[in-house]
Amino acid sequence: MMRLLYNHLRLTCTQGTVNKIKIHYDNGEFQQFRTKGLMTQNSTSPPELLDYPDSKITAIEINFHSLGNKRLSIVGITPKAIIDVWGKEQQPIIFS
């Protein structure tokens, strides 16, 4: 089975409000995903270069706001968060 390698990730917050994202690798290392502040519903992060593109991602840890205020749920802050993860496949380097 061929293993796909990604060198960039982009995240889209489809529900809730996310403030911190941490990527865990199989080599024991982790990377704090840099976003432009708070990610709210329908916001997308810029492409993030992975620190360890040859390692397998074992987990993506998200820290989100879970405020139970009814007024806040009207403006889109919900008690759970859902993110979509997009990866850009590494392209082989060809020297001519």
C-alpha atoms as a PDB file:
ATOM      1  CA  MET A   1       0.000   0.000   0.000  1.00  0.00           C
ATOM      2  CA  MET A   2       1.403   3.380  -1.013  1.00  0.00           C
ATOM      3  CA  ARG A   3       1.643   5.963   1.770  1.00  0.00           C
ATOM      4  CA  LEU A   4       0.792   9.543   0.832  1.00  0.00           C
ATOM      5  CA  LEU A   5       3.028  12.226   2.289  1.00  0.00           C
ATOM      6  CA  TYR A   6       1.776  15.729   2.945  1.00  0.00           C
ATOM      7  CA  ASN A   7       3.915  18.789   3.473  1.00  0.00           C
ATOM      8  CA  HIS A   8       1.156  21.376   4.033  1.00  0.00           C
ATOM      9  CA  LEU A   9      -2.125  21.323   5.952  1.00  0.00           C
ATOM     10  CA  ARG A  10      -5.057  23.703   5.774  1.00  0.00           C
ATOM     11  CA  LEU A  11      -7.900  23.601   8.285  1.00  0.00           C
ATOM     12  CA  THR A  12     -11.479  24.817   7.883  1.00  0.00           C
ATOM     13  CA  CYS A  13     -13.659  25.337  10.933  1.00  0.00           C
ATOM     14  CA  THR A  14     -17.148  24.240   9.854  1.00  0.00           C
ATOM     15  CA  GLN A  15     -18.825  24.554  13.261  1.00  0.00           C
ATOM     16  CA  GLY A  16     -17.959  26.156  16.578  1.00  0.00           C
ATOM     17  CA  THR A  17     -15.018  28.299  17.627  1.00  0.00           C
ATOM     18  CA  VAL A  18     -11.449  26.931  17.760  1.00  0.00           C
ATOM     19  CA  ASN A  19      -8.573  28.770  19.436  1.00  0.00           C
ATOM     20  CA  LYS A  20      -5.651  26.286  19.534  1.00  0.00           C
ATOM     21  CA  ILE A  21      -4.662  23.330  17.330  1.00  0.00           C
ATOM     22  CA  LYS A  22      -1.803  20.903  18.021  1.00  0.00           C
ATOM     23  CA  ILE A  23      -0.570  18.233  15.586  1.00  0.00           C
ATOM     24  CA  HIS A  24       1.006  15.050  17.040  1.00  0.00           C
ATOM     25  CA  TYR A  25       3.445  12.895  15.019  1.00  0.00           C
ATOM     26  CA  ASP A  26       4.432   9.232  15.342  1.00  0.00           C
ATOM     27  CA  ASN A  27       8.030  10.210  16.191  1.00  0.00           C
ATOM     28  CA  GLY A  28       6.814  11.713  19.496  1.00  0.00           C
ATOM     29  CA  GLU A  29       7.076  15.327  18.352  1.00  0.00           C
ATOM     30  CA  PHE A  30       4.234  17.822  18.106  1.00  0.00           C
ATOM     31  CA  GLN A  31       3.614  21.089  16.303  1.00  0.00           C
ATOM     32  CA  GLN A  32       1.473  24.027  17.348  1.00  0.00           C
ATOM     33  CA  PHE A  33      -0.623  24.951  14.311  1.00  0.00           C
ATOM     34  CA  ARG A  34      -0.442  28.697  13.724  1.00  0.00           C
ATOM     35  CA  THR A  35      -3.756  30.365  12.957  1.00  0.00           C
ATOM     36  CA  LYS A  36      -4.594  34.029  12.641  1.00  0.00           C
ATOM     37  CA  GLY A  37      -6.300  34.221  16.035  1.00  0.00           C
ATOM     38  CA  LEU A  38      -9.649  32.632  16.763  1.00  0.00           C
ATOM     39  CA  MET A  39     -11.135  30.381  14.067  1.00  0.00           C
ATOM     40  CA  THR A  40     -14.904  30.759  13.848  1.00  0.00           C
ATOM     41  CA  GLN A  41     -17.512  29.052  11.707  1.00  0.00           C
ATOM     42  CA  ASN A  42     -16.612  28.941   7.976  1.00  0.00           C
ATOM     43  CA  SER A  43     -13.108  30.343   8.513  1.00  0.00           C
ATOM     44  CA  THR A  44     -10.072  28.765   6.851  1.00  0.00           C
ATOM     45  CA  SER A  45      -6.465  28.840   7.983  1.00  0.00           C
ATOM     46  CA  PRO A  46      -3.635  29.651   5.589  1.00  0.00           C
ATOM     47  CA  PRO A  47      -1.606  26.620   4.401  1.00  0.00           C
ATOM     48  CA  GLU A  48       0.761  25.549   7.194  1.00  0.00           C
ATOM     49  CA  LEU A  49       4.109  23.934   6.386  1.00  0.00           C
ATOM     50  CA  LEU A  50       4.517  20.770   8.460  1.00  0.00           C
ATOM     51  CA  ASP A  51       7.610  20.509  10.666  1.00  0.00           C
ATOM     52  CA  TYR A  52       7.939  16.729  10.089  1.00  0.00           C
ATOM     53  CA  PRO A  53       6.503  15.959   6.623  1.00  0.00           C
ATOM     54  CA  ASP A  54       8.056  12.461   6.549  1.00  0.00           C
ATOM     55  CA  SER A  55       6.380  11.421   9.832  1.00  0.00           C
ATOM     56  CA  LYS A  56       2.852  10.102  10.187  1.00  0.00           C
ATOM     57  CA  ILE A  57       0.294  12.357  11.903  1.00  0.00           C
ATOM     58  CA  THR A  58      -1.194  10.379  14.787  1.00  0.00           C
ATOM     59  CA  ALA A  59      -3.580  12.968  16.235  1.00  0.00           C
ATOM     60  CA  ILE A  60      -4.856  16.496  15.815  1.00  0.00           C
ATOM     61  CA  GLU A  61      -5.774  18.073  19.141  1.00  0.00           C
ATOM     62  CA  ILE A  62      -8.152  21.053  19.097  1.00  0.00           C
ATOM     63  CA  ASN A  63      -8.963  23.440  21.927  1.00  0.00           C
ATOM     64  CA  PHE A  64     -12.344  25.083  21.492  1.00  0.00           C
ATOM     65  CA  HIS A  65     -14.731  27.377  23.344  1.00  0.00           C
ATOM     66  CA  SER A  66     -17.677  25.543  24.877  1.00  0.00           C
ATOM     67  CA  LEU A  67     -19.752  28.375  26.225  1.00  0.00           C
ATOM     68  CA  GLY A  68     -23.331  27.452  27.116  1.00  0.00           C
ATOM     69  CA  ASN A  69     -24.804  30.921  26.754  1.00  0.00           C
ATOM     70  CA  LYS A  70     -27.934  30.975  24.553  1.00  0.00           C
ATOM     71  CA  ARG A  71     -27.101  34.433  23.212  1.00  0.00           C
ATOM     72  CA  LEU A  72     -23.715  33.214  22.014  1.00  0.00           C
ATOM     73  CA  SER A  73     -25.266  30.250  20.200  1.00  0.00           C
ATOM     74  CA  ILE A  74     -27.259  32.711  18.103  1.00  0.00           C
ATOM     75  CA  VAL A  75     -24.034  34.273  16.751  1.00  0.00           C
ATOM     76  CA  GLY A  76     -22.447  30.895  15.989  1.00  0.00           C
ATOM     77  CA  ILE A  77     -20.533  29.866  19.136  1.00  0.00           C
ATOM     78  CA  THR A  78     -21.713  26.320  19.826  1.00  0.00           C
ATOM     79  CA  PRO A  79     -20.697  23.783  22.513  1.00  0.00           C
ATOM     80  CA  LYS A  80     -18.695  21.694  20.019  1.00  0.00           C
ATOM     81  CA  ALA A  81     -16.316  22.294  17.148  1.00  0.00           C
ATOM     82  CA  ILE A  82     -15.896  20.513  13.806  1.00  0.00           C
ATOM     83  CA  ILE A  83     -12.887  21.043  11.530  1.00  0.00           C
ATOM     84  CA  ASP A  84     -12.085  19.819   8.034  1.00  0.00           C
ATOM     85  CA  VAL A  85      -8.453  18.895   7.377  1.00  0.00           C
ATOM     86  CA  TRP A  86      -6.975  19.453   3.915  1.00  0.00           C
ATOM     87  CA  GLY A  87      -3.540  18.150   2.946  1.00  0.00           C
ATOM     88  CA  LYS A  88      -1.253  19.111   0.089  1.00  0.00           C
ATOM     89  CA  GLU A  89       0.653  16.125  -1.243  1.00  0.00           C
ATOM     90  CA  GLN A  90       4.433  16.368  -1.492  1.00  0.00           C
ATOM     91  CA  GLN A  91       5.732  16.611  -5.024  1.00  0.00           C
ATOM     92  CA  PRO A  92       8.949  14.782  -5.884  1.00  0.00           C
ATOM     93  CA  ILE A  93      11.938  16.994  -6.584  1.00  0.00           C
ATOM     94  CA  ILE A  94      13.316  16.349 -10.070  1.00  0.00           C
ATOM     95  CA  PHE A  95      16.744  17.712 -10.924  1.00  0.00           C
ATOM     96  CA  SER A  96      17.544  18.229 -14.570  1.00  0.00           C
END
